[in-house]
Every structure is written in C-alpha cells, then in structure tokens.
Amino acid sequence: MNVAVFLISLGATCRITRFITKDTLAAGFRVWTADRFGDDSRAAYLVSCGWCASIWVAAAVTPTAFMAGDTLAFKIGATALTLSYITGLASSHVD
C-alpha cells in the first residue's frame, strides 16, 4: 500500500465512522440498534462510539485498500469520502 492509498483509506475510515456514529442520516440505524439490543447494550455503544466503531470500519477498509487500492473505483470512492470528511472538519471550524 502506498502513502496516497493509505491516506485516502484513513480519510474514508474517518468519514464512514463519523457517518455511523454521529450523522443524522444514520440516526435511524442507531435507534434501531438500541431498540433491538437495548440502550445499554454493547451493540448500541458500538454504533455511538467513534473509537469503538472505527476499529471495525478500519477492519473492512484495510483489506479493501490492500486488494483494490490501485483501482480507479477505490481511489474515486475513498477520495470522495476523504474530501467529505475534510470539508466537514473545515466547515465546523471555519463557520
């Protein structure tokens, strides 16, 4: 894995983790998880904790990056997720 693929994989991991744990669009998934497994369950905690969810997201992104990191499809998708994450960070600090 080269440095560029590593960096866009990092950004993709950050964005996917943020989507799962914080974004309004995934709130229904977090509520469903809490309803299904209980508010105090490990599953409910997993989908609301960035540190916890990121290890599982990284576990999916890493082998994908190793196997497909040089493909155009991976580069476009991971770059879009990375740019989304960076833009979100910038807008929350600039606005």
PDB file of N, CA and C in Angstrom:
ATOM      1  N   MET A   1       0.860  -1.169   0.000  1.00  0.00           N
ATOM      2  CA  MET A   1       0.000   0.000   0.000  1.00  0.00           C
ATOM      3  C   MET A   1       0.907   1.233   0.000  1.00  0.00           C
ATOM      4  N   ASN A   2       0.670   2.121  -0.954  1.00  0.00           N
ATOM      5  CA  ASN A   2       1.473   3.339  -0.978  1.00  0.00           C
ATOM      6  C   ASN A   2       0.873   4.403  -0.067  1.00  0.00           C
ATOM      7  N   VAL A   3       1.583   5.497   0.103  1.00  0.00           N
ATOM      8  CA  VAL A   3       1.170   6.542   1.041  1.00  0.00           C
ATOM      9  C   VAL A   3      -0.165   7.167   0.631  1.00  0.00           C
ATOM     10  N   ALA A   4      -0.356   7.397  -0.650  1.00  0.00           N
ATOM     11  CA  ALA A   4      -1.608   8.008  -1.108  1.00  0.00           C
ATOM     12  C   ALA A   4      -2.808   7.119  -0.788  1.00  0.00           C
ATOM     13  N   VAL A   5      -2.683   5.825  -1.050  1.00  0.00           N
ATOM     14  CA  VAL A   5      -3.777   4.889  -0.755  1.00  0.00           C
ATOM     15  C   VAL A   5      -4.004   4.828   0.757  1.00  0.00           C
ATOM     16  N   PHE A   6      -2.931   4.835   1.534  1.00  0.00           N
ATOM     17  CA  PHE A   6      -3.074   4.850   2.990  1.00  0.00           C
ATOM     18  C   PHE A   6      -3.849   6.084   3.451  1.00  0.00           C
ATOM     19  N   LEU A   7      -3.488   7.243   2.925  1.00  0.00           N
ATOM     20  CA  LEU A   7      -4.138   8.485   3.369  1.00  0.00           C
ATOM     21  C   LEU A   7      -5.605   8.550   2.972  1.00  0.00           C
ATOM     22  N   ILE A   8      -5.935   8.123   1.761  1.00  0.00           N
ATOM     23  CA  ILE A   8      -7.361   8.144   1.402  1.00  0.00           C
ATOM     24  C   ILE A   8      -8.128   7.049   2.138  1.00  0.00           C
ATOM     25  N   SER A   9      -7.457   5.967   2.486  1.00  0.00           N
ATOM     26  CA  SER A   9      -8.098   4.927   3.313  1.00  0.00           C
ATOM     27  C   SER A   9      -8.374   5.464   4.706  1.00  0.00           C
ATOM     28  N   LEU A  10      -7.437   6.222   5.234  1.00  0.00           N
ATOM     29  CA  LEU A  10      -7.616   6.862   6.537  1.00  0.00           C
ATOM     30  C   LEU A  10      -8.807   7.814   6.507  1.00  0.00           C
ATOM     31  N   GLY A  11      -8.855   8.654   5.482  1.00  0.00           N
ATOM     32  CA  GLY A  11      -9.973   9.587   5.355  1.00  0.00           C
ATOM     33  C   GLY A  11     -11.302   8.876   5.196  1.00  0.00           C
ATOM     34  N   ALA A  12     -11.305   7.805   4.410  1.00  0.00           N
ATOM     35  CA  ALA A  12     -12.542   7.032   4.230  1.00  0.00           C
ATOM     36  C   ALA A  12     -12.987   6.406   5.548  1.00  0.00           C
ATOM     37  N   THR A  13     -12.040   5.880   6.297  1.00  0.00           N
ATOM     38  CA  THR A  13     -12.354   5.293   7.605  1.00  0.00           C
ATOM     39  C   THR A  13     -12.942   6.346   8.533  1.00  0.00           C
ATOM     40  N   CYS A  14     -12.346   7.525   8.544  1.00  0.00           N
ATOM     41  CA  CYS A  14     -12.867   8.616   9.387  1.00  0.00           C
ATOM     42  C   CYS A  14     -14.289   8.992   8.996  1.00  0.00           C
ATOM     43  N   ARG A  15     -14.531   9.115   7.708  1.00  0.00           N
ATOM     44  CA  ARG A  15     -15.853   9.551   7.247  1.00  0.00           C
ATOM     45  C   ARG A  15     -16.924   8.506   7.498  1.00  0.00           C
ATOM     46  N   ILE A  16     -16.620   7.261   7.221  1.00  0.00           N
ATOM     47  CA  ILE A  16     -17.597   6.189   7.456  1.00  0.00           C
ATOM     48  C   ILE A  16     -17.902   6.075   8.949  1.00  0.00           C
ATOM     49  N   THR A  17     -16.868   6.160   9.768  1.00  0.00           N
ATOM     50  CA  THR A  17     -17.065   6.097  11.223  1.00  0.00           C
ATOM     51  C   THR A  17     -17.932   7.252  11.698  1.00  0.00           C
ATOM     52  N   ARG A  18     -17.655   8.437  11.209  1.00  0.00           N
ATOM     53  CA  ARG A  18     -18.442   9.616  11.586  1.00  0.00           C
ATOM     54  C   ARG A  18     -19.897   9.443  11.149  1.00  0.00           C
ATOM     55  N   PHE A  19     -20.094   8.926   9.949  1.00  0.00           N
ATOM     56  CA  PHE A  19     -21.455   8.699   9.465  1.00  0.00           C
ATOM     57  C   PHE A  19     -22.210   7.752  10.388  1.00  0.00           C
ATOM     58  N   ILE A  20     -21.598   6.648  10.749  1.00  0.00           N
ATOM     59  CA  ILE A  20     -22.250   5.654  11.608  1.00  0.00           C
ATOM     60  C   ILE A  20     -22.561   6.220  12.988  1.00  0.00           C
ATOM     61  N   THR A  21     -21.603   6.926  13.577  1.00  0.00           N
ATOM     62  CA  THR A  21     -21.722   7.304  14.992  1.00  0.00           C
ATOM     63  C   THR A  21     -22.358   8.661  15.245  1.00  0.00           C
ATOM     64  N   LYS A  22     -22.356   9.562  14.277  1.00  0.00           N
ATOM     65  CA  LYS A  22     -22.806  10.931  14.558  1.00  0.00           C
ATOM     66  C   LYS A  22     -23.829  11.513  13.588  1.00  0.00           C
ATOM     67  N   ASP A  23     -23.782  11.141  12.324  1.00  0.00           N
ATOM     68  CA  ASP A  23     -24.621  11.806  11.324  1.00  0.00           C
ATOM     69  C   ASP A  23     -26.106  11.533  11.538  1.00  0.00           C
ATOM     70  N   THR A  24     -26.891  12.552  11.257  1.00  0.00           N
ATOM     71  CA  THR A  24     -28.345  12.463  11.374  1.00  0.00           C
ATOM     72  C   THR A  24     -28.913  11.384  10.455  1.00  0.00           C
ATOM     73  N   LEU A  25     -28.343  11.239   9.270  1.00  0.00           N
ATOM     74  CA  LEU A  25     -28.850  10.249   8.327  1.00  0.00           C
ATOM     75  C   LEU A  25     -28.747   8.818   8.856  1.00  0.00           C
ATOM     76  N   ALA A  26     -27.836   8.562   9.767  1.00  0.00           N
ATOM     77  CA  ALA A  26     -27.691   7.221  10.346  1.00  0.00           C
ATOM     78  C   ALA A  26     -28.356   7.111  11.720  1.00  0.00           C
ATOM     79  N   ALA A  27     -29.065   8.147  12.134  1.00  0.00           N
ATOM     80  CA  ALA A  27     -29.717   8.123  13.450  1.00  0.00           C
ATOM     81  C   ALA A  27     -30.715   6.978  13.555  1.00  0.00           C
ATOM     82  N   GLY A  28     -31.434   6.710  12.483  1.00  0.00           N
ATOM     83  CA  GLY A  28     -32.394   5.611  12.489  1.00  0.00           C
ATOM     84  C   GLY A  28     -31.714   4.271  12.740  1.00  0.00           C
ATOM     85  N   PHE A  29     -30.548   4.089  12.168  1.00  0.00           N
ATOM     86  CA  PHE A  29     -29.779   2.864  12.399  1.00  0.00           C
ATOM     87  C   PHE A  29     -29.356   2.752  13.866  1.00  0.00           C
ATOM     88  N   ARG A  30     -28.913   3.864  14.442  1.00  0.00           N
ATOM     89  CA  ARG A  30     -28.519   3.842  15.865  1.00  0.00           C
ATOM     90  C   ARG A  30     -29.720   3.571  16.762  1.00  0.00           C
ATOM     91  N   VAL A  31     -30.852   4.171  16.453  1.00  0.00           N
ATOM     92  CA  VAL A  31     -32.082   3.932  17.225  1.00  0.00           C
ATOM     93  C   VAL A  31     -32.521   2.477  17.067  1.00  0.00           C
ATOM     94  N   TRP A  32     -32.500   1.971  15.849  1.00  0.00           N
ATOM     95  CA  TRP A  32     -32.866   0.579  15.611  1.00  0.00           C
ATOM     96  C   TRP A  32     -31.971  -0.351  16.419  1.00  0.00           C
ATOM     97  N   THR A  33     -30.683  -0.075  16.432  1.00  0.00           N
ATOM     98  CA  THR A  33     -29.741  -0.911  17.184  1.00  0.00           C
ATOM     99  C   THR A  33     -30.056  -0.881  18.671  1.00  0.00           C
ATOM    100  N   ALA A  34     -30.322   0.297  19.205  1.00  0.00           N
ATOM    101  CA  ALA A  34     -30.667   0.416  20.626  1.00  0.00           C
ATOM    102  C   ALA A  34     -31.982  -0.283  20.932  1.00  0.00           C
ATOM    103  N   ASP A  35     -32.967  -0.150  20.048  1.00  0.00           N
ATOM    104  CA  ASP A  35     -34.251  -0.837  20.240  1.00  0.00           C
ATOM    105  C   ASP A  35     -34.099  -2.351  20.174  1.00  0.00           C
ATOM    106  N   ARG A  36     -33.274  -2.798  19.261  1.00  0.00           N
ATOM    107  CA  ARG A  36     -33.098  -4.248  19.045  1.00  0.00           C
ATOM    108  C   ARG A  36     -32.308  -4.912  20.164  1.00  0.00           C
ATOM    109  N   PHE A  37     -31.244  -4.241  20.610  1.00  0.00           N
ATOM    110  CA  PHE A  37     -30.329  -4.858  21.580  1.00  0.00           C
ATOM    111  C   PHE A  37     -30.369  -4.223  22.969  1.00  0.00           C
ATOM    112  N   GLY A  38     -31.065  -3.106  23.117  1.00  0.00           N
ATOM    113  CA  GLY A  38     -31.140  -2.412  24.403  1.00  0.00           C
ATOM    114  C   GLY A  38     -30.223  -1.198  24.418  1.00  0.00           C
ATOM    115  N   ASP A  39     -30.691  -0.151  25.116  1.00  0.00           N
ATOM    116  CA  ASP A  39     -29.930   1.096  25.185  1.00  0.00           C
ATOM    117  C   ASP A  39     -28.535   0.921  25.790  1.00  0.00           C
ATOM    118  N   ASP A  40     -28.419   0.010  26.734  1.00  0.00           N
ATOM    119  CA  ASP A  40     -27.146  -0.191  27.425  1.00  0.00           C
ATOM    120  C   ASP A  40     -26.335  -1.355  26.855  1.00  0.00           C
ATOM    121  N   SER A  41     -26.709  -1.832  25.678  1.00  0.00           N
ATOM    122  CA  SER A  41     -26.016  -2.981  25.087  1.00  0.00           C
ATOM    123  C   SER A  41     -24.686  -2.573  24.472  1.00  0.00           C
ATOM    124  N   ARG A  42     -23.867  -3.561  24.260  1.00  0.00           N
ATOM    125  CA  ARG A  42     -22.588  -3.315  23.588  1.00  0.00           C
ATOM    126  C   ARG A  42     -22.803  -2.876  22.146  1.00  0.00           C
ATOM    127  N   ALA A  43     -23.809  -3.423  21.504  1.00  0.00           N
ATOM    128  CA  ALA A  43     -24.100  -3.045  20.117  1.00  0.00           C
ATOM    129  C   ALA A  43     -24.492  -1.575  20.020  1.00  0.00           C
ATOM    130  N   ALA A  44     -25.344  -1.111  20.936  1.00  0.00           N
ATOM    131  CA  ALA A  44     -25.748   0.295  20.934  1.00  0.00           C
ATOM    132  C   ALA A  44     -24.553   1.197  21.221  1.00  0.00           C
ATOM    133  N   TYR A  45     -23.692   0.760  22.114  1.00  0.00           N
ATOM    134  CA  TYR A  45     -22.488   1.528  22.417  1.00  0.00           C
ATOM    135  C   TYR A  45     -21.566   1.568  21.201  1.00  0.00           C
ATOM    136  N   LEU A  46     -21.435   0.450  20.523  1.00  0.00           N
ATOM    137  CA  LEU A  46     -20.561   0.358  19.347  1.00  0.00           C
ATOM    138  C   LEU A  46     -20.942   1.365  18.273  1.00  0.00           C
ATOM    139  N   VAL A  47     -22.228   1.512  17.994  1.00  0.00           N
ATOM    140  CA  VAL A  47     -22.652   2.398  16.906  1.00  0.00           C
ATOM    141  C   VAL A  47     -22.722   3.863  17.321  1.00  0.00           C
ATOM    142  N   SER A  48     -22.400   4.151  18.570  1.00  0.00           N
ATOM    143  CA  SER A  48     -22.376   5.545  19.009  1.00  0.00           C
ATOM    144  C   SER A  48     -20.993   5.987  19.470  1.00  0.00           C
ATOM    145  N   CYS A  49     -20.033   5.096  19.488  1.00  0.00           N
ATOM    146  CA  CYS A  49     -18.675   5.399  19.951  1.00  0.00           C
ATOM    147  C   CYS A  49     -17.709   5.393  18.761  1.00  0.00           C
ATOM    148  N   GLY A  50     -17.130   6.548  18.465  1.00  0.00           N
ATOM    149  CA  GLY A  50     -16.206   6.647  17.341  1.00  0.00           C
ATOM    150  C   GLY A  50     -14.989   5.757  17.490  1.00  0.00           C
ATOM    151  N   TRP A  51     -14.454   5.685  18.693  1.00  0.00           N
ATOM    152  CA  TRP A  51     -13.291   4.825  18.925  1.00  0.00           C
ATOM    153  C   TRP A  51     -13.645   3.365  18.693  1.00  0.00           C
ATOM    154  N   CYS A  52     -14.828   2.982  19.122  1.00  0.00           N
ATOM    155  CA  CYS A  52     -15.250   1.582  19.004  1.00  0.00           C
ATOM    156  C   CYS A  52     -15.586   1.208  17.572  1.00  0.00           C
ATOM    157  N   ALA A  53     -16.347   2.050  16.901  1.00  0.00           N
ATOM    158  CA  ALA A  53     -16.765   1.749  15.531  1.00  0.00           C
ATOM    159  C   ALA A  53     -15.590   1.810  14.561  1.00  0.00           C
ATOM    160  N   SER A  54     -14.636   2.691  14.822  1.00  0.00           N
ATOM    161  CA  SER A  54     -13.548   2.881  13.858  1.00  0.00           C
ATOM    162  C   SER A  54     -12.694   1.633  13.670  1.00  0.00           C
ATOM    163  N   ILE A  55     -12.535   0.826  14.691  1.00  0.00           N
ATOM    164  CA  ILE A  55     -11.728  -0.387  14.538  1.00  0.00           C
ATOM    165  C   ILE A  55     -12.395  -1.350  13.570  1.00  0.00           C
ATOM    166  N   TRP A  56     -13.724  -1.420  13.608  1.00  0.00           N
ATOM    167  CA  TRP A  56     -14.454  -2.311  12.708  1.00  0.00           C
ATOM    168  C   TRP A  56     -14.507  -1.743  11.299  1.00  0.00           C
ATOM    169  N   VAL A  57     -14.662  -0.444  11.193  1.00  0.00           N
ATOM    170  CA  VAL A  57     -14.626   0.185   9.871  1.00  0.00           C
ATOM    171  C   VAL A  57     -13.244  -0.010   9.256  1.00  0.00           C
ATOM    172  N   ALA A  58     -12.201   0.223  10.049  1.00  0.00           N
ATOM    173  CA  ALA A  58     -10.831   0.036   9.555  1.00  0.00           C
ATOM    174  C   ALA A  58     -10.576  -1.417   9.169  1.00  0.00           C
ATOM    175  N   ALA A  59     -11.179  -2.338   9.904  1.00  0.00           N
ATOM    176  CA  ALA A  59     -11.017  -3.758   9.583  1.00  0.00           C
ATOM    177  C   ALA A  59     -11.626  -4.097   8.224  1.00  0.00           C
ATOM    178  N   ALA A  60     -12.608  -3.336   7.785  1.00  0.00           N
ATOM    179  CA  ALA A  60     -13.188  -3.536   6.454  1.00  0.00           C
ATOM    180  C   ALA A  60     -12.429  -2.753   5.383  1.00  0.00           C
ATOM    181  N   VAL A  61     -12.018  -1.538   5.718  1.00  0.00           N
ATOM    182  CA  VAL A  61     -11.338  -0.688   4.739  1.00  0.00           C
ATOM    183  C   VAL A  61      -9.937  -1.204   4.427  1.00  0.00           C
ATOM    184  N   THR A  62      -9.215  -1.682   5.424  1.00  0.00           N
ATOM    185  CA  THR A  62      -7.821  -2.089   5.226  1.00  0.00           C
ATOM    186  C   THR A  62      -7.645  -3.189   4.182  1.00  0.00           C
ATOM    187  N   PRO A  63      -8.328  -4.320   4.299  1.00  0.00           N
ATOM    188  CA  PRO A  63      -8.135  -5.332   3.254  1.00  0.00           C
ATOM    189  C   PRO A  63      -8.629  -4.864   1.883  1.00  0.00           C
ATOM    190  N   THR A  64      -9.658  -4.036   1.884  1.00  0.00           N
ATOM    191  CA  THR A  64     -10.146  -3.490   0.612  1.00  0.00           C
ATOM    192  C   THR A  64      -9.066  -2.621  -0.031  1.00  0.00           C
ATOM    193  N   ALA A  65      -8.400  -1.814   0.785  1.00  0.00           N
ATOM    194  CA  ALA A  65      -7.331  -0.962   0.274  1.00  0.00           C
ATOM    195  C   ALA A  65      -6.158  -1.791  -0.236  1.00  0.00           C
ATOM    196  N   PHE A  66      -5.819  -2.855   0.471  1.00  0.00           N
ATOM    197  CA  PHE A  66      -4.720  -3.705   0.019  1.00  0.00           C
ATOM    198  C   PHE A  66      -5.055  -4.418  -1.288  1.00  0.00           C
ATOM    199  N   MET A  67      -6.303  -4.851  -1.421  1.00  0.00           N
ATOM    200  CA  MET A  67      -6.685  -5.604  -2.620  1.00  0.00           C
ATOM    201  C   MET A  67      -7.043  -4.699  -3.801  1.00  0.00           C
ATOM    202  N   ALA A  68      -7.669  -3.557  -3.533  1.00  0.00           N
ATOM    203  CA  ALA A  68      -8.200  -2.732  -4.621  1.00  0.00           C
ATOM    204  C   ALA A  68      -7.674  -1.306  -4.609  1.00  0.00           C
ATOM    205  N   GLY A  69      -6.698  -1.015  -3.763  1.00  0.00           N
ATOM    206  CA  GLY A  69      -6.208   0.350  -3.603  1.00  0.00           C
ATOM    207  C   GLY A  69      -5.691   1.004  -4.864  1.00  0.00           C
ATOM    208  N   ASP A  70      -5.241   0.219  -5.819  1.00  0.00           N
ATOM    209  CA  ASP A  70      -4.717   0.782  -7.057  1.00  0.00           C
ATOM    210  C   ASP A  70      -5.773   0.921  -8.146  1.00  0.00           C
ATOM    211  N   THR A  71      -6.995   0.530  -7.851  1.00  0.00           N
ATOM    212  CA  THR A  71      -8.047   0.635  -8.865  1.00  0.00           C
ATOM    213  C   THR A  71      -8.668   2.029  -8.853  1.00  0.00           C
ATOM    214  N   LEU A  72      -9.147   2.439  -9.995  1.00  0.00           N
ATOM    215  CA  LEU A  72      -9.776   3.746 -10.115  1.00  0.00           C
ATOM    216  C   LEU A  72     -11.031   3.843  -9.238  1.00  0.00           C
ATOM    217  N   ALA A  73     -11.798   2.775  -9.180  1.00  0.00           N
ATOM    218  CA  ALA A  73     -13.031   2.776  -8.379  1.00  0.00           C
ATOM    219  C   ALA A  73     -12.728   3.034  -6.902  1.00  0.00           C
ATOM    220  N   PHE A  74     -11.717   2.351  -6.367  1.00  0.00           N
ATOM    221  CA  PHE A  74     -11.365   2.570  -4.968  1.00  0.00           C
ATOM    222  C   PHE A  74     -10.877   3.995  -4.754  1.00  0.00           C
ATOM    223  N   LYS A  75     -10.011   4.457  -5.642  1.00  0.00           N
ATOM    224  CA  LYS A  75      -9.458   5.805  -5.487  1.00  0.00           C
ATOM    225  C   LYS A  75     -10.541   6.876  -5.526  1.00  0.00           C
ATOM    226  N   ILE A  76     -11.491   6.736  -6.429  1.00  0.00           N
ATOM    227  CA  ILE A  76     -12.572   7.720  -6.516  1.00  0.00           C
ATOM    228  C   ILE A  76     -13.445   7.676  -5.266  1.00  0.00           C
ATOM    229  N   GLY A  77     -13.860   6.495  -4.863  1.00  0.00           N
ATOM    230  CA  GLY A  77     -14.720   6.374  -3.681  1.00  0.00           C
ATOM    231  C   GLY A  77     -14.035   6.844  -2.404  1.00  0.00           C
ATOM    232  N   ALA A  78     -12.818   6.381  -2.185  1.00  0.00           N
ATOM    233  CA  ALA A  78     -12.100   6.749  -0.963  1.00  0.00           C
ATOM    234  C   ALA A  78     -11.739   8.231  -0.955  1.00  0.00           C
ATOM    235  N   THR A  79     -11.399   8.774  -2.113  1.00  0.00           N
ATOM    236  CA  THR A  79     -11.094  10.206  -2.197  1.00  0.00           C
ATOM    237  C   THR A  79     -12.338  11.037  -1.899  1.00  0.00           C
ATOM    238  N   ALA A  80     -13.478  10.642  -2.431  1.00  0.00           N
ATOM    239  CA  ALA A  80     -14.724  11.367  -2.166  1.00  0.00           C
ATOM    240  C   ALA A  80     -15.054  11.348  -0.673  1.00  0.00           C
ATOM    241  N   LEU A  81     -14.897  10.188  -0.034  1.00  0.00           N
ATOM    242  CA  LEU A  81     -15.143  10.102   1.410  1.00  0.00           C
ATOM    243  C   LEU A  81     -14.159  10.955   2.193  1.00  0.00           C
ATOM    244  N   THR A  82     -12.888  10.955   1.777  1.00  0.00           N
ATOM    245  CA  THR A  82     -11.871  11.755   2.443  1.00  0.00           C
ATOM    246  C   THR A  82     -12.165  13.240   2.295  1.00  0.00           C
ATOM    247  N   LEU A  83     -12.501  13.671   1.090  1.00  0.00           N
ATOM    248  CA  LEU A  83     -12.830  15.084   0.874  1.00  0.00           C
ATOM    249  C   LEU A  83     -14.063  15.491   1.668  1.00  0.00           C
ATOM    250  N   SER A  84     -15.035  14.613   1.757  1.00  0.00           N
ATOM    251  CA  SER A  84     -16.225  14.889   2.557  1.00  0.00           C
ATOM    252  C   SER A  84     -15.855  15.090   4.023  1.00  0.00           C
ATOM    253  N   TYR A  85     -14.991  14.221   4.528  1.00  0.00           N
ATOM    254  CA  TYR A  85     -14.583  14.327   5.929  1.00  0.00           C
ATOM    255  C   TYR A  85     -13.814  15.622   6.187  1.00  0.00           C
ATOM    256  N   ILE A  86     -12.870  15.929   5.322  1.00  0.00           N
ATOM    257  CA  ILE A  86     -12.066  17.143   5.494  1.00  0.00           C
ATOM    258  C   ILE A  86     -12.936  18.391   5.381  1.00  0.00           C
ATOM    259  N   THR A  87     -13.876  18.393   4.447  1.00  0.00           N
ATOM    260  CA  THR A  87     -14.782  19.524   4.296  1.00  0.00           C
ATOM    261  C   THR A  87     -15.646  19.711   5.539  1.00  0.00           C
ATOM    262  N   GLY A  88     -16.122  18.611   6.099  1.00  0.00           N
ATOM    263  CA  GLY A  88     -16.908  18.685   7.330  1.00  0.00           C
ATOM    264  C   GLY A  88     -16.102  19.255   8.477  1.00  0.00           C
ATOM    265  N   LEU A  89     -14.853  18.799   8.612  1.00  0.00           N
ATOM    266  CA  LEU A  89     -13.976  19.337   9.661  1.00  0.00           C
ATOM    267  C   LEU A  89     -13.749  20.834   9.462  1.00  0.00           C
ATOM    268  N   ALA A  90     -13.439  21.202   8.224  1.00  0.00           N
ATOM    269  CA  ALA A  90     -13.178  22.610   7.938  1.00  0.00           C
ATOM    270  C   ALA A  90     -14.395  23.473   8.201  1.00  0.00           C
ATOM    271  N   SER A  91     -15.560  23.023   7.767  1.00  0.00           N
ATOM    272  CA  SER A  91     -16.770  23.841   7.942  1.00  0.00           C
ATOM    273  C   SER A  91     -17.148  23.989   9.403  1.00  0.00           C
ATOM    274  N   SER A  92     -16.856  22.983  10.215  1.00  0.00           N
ATOM    275  CA  SER A  92     -17.189  23.101  11.635  1.00  0.00           C
ATOM    276  C   SER A  92     -16.211  24.008  12.374  1.00  0.00           C
ATOM    277  N   HIS A  93     -15.033  24.214  11.830  1.00  0.00           N
ATOM    278  CA  HIS A  93     -14.046  25.094  12.466  1.00  0.00           C
ATOM    279  C   HIS A  93     -14.015  26.485  11.875  1.00  0.00           C
ATOM    280  N   VAL A  94     -14.475  26.636  10.632  1.00  0.00           N
ATOM    281  CA  VAL A  94     -14.441  27.931   9.959  1.00  0.00           C
ATOM    282  C   VAL A  94     -15.724  28.702  10.188  1.00  0.00           C
ATOM    283  N   ASP A  95     -16.861  28.009  10.157  1.00  0.00           N
ATOM    284  CA  ASP A  95     -18.164  28.685  10.293  1.00  0.00           C
ATOM    285  C   ASP A  95     -18.371  29.248  11.653  1.00  0.00           C
TER     286      ASP A  95
END
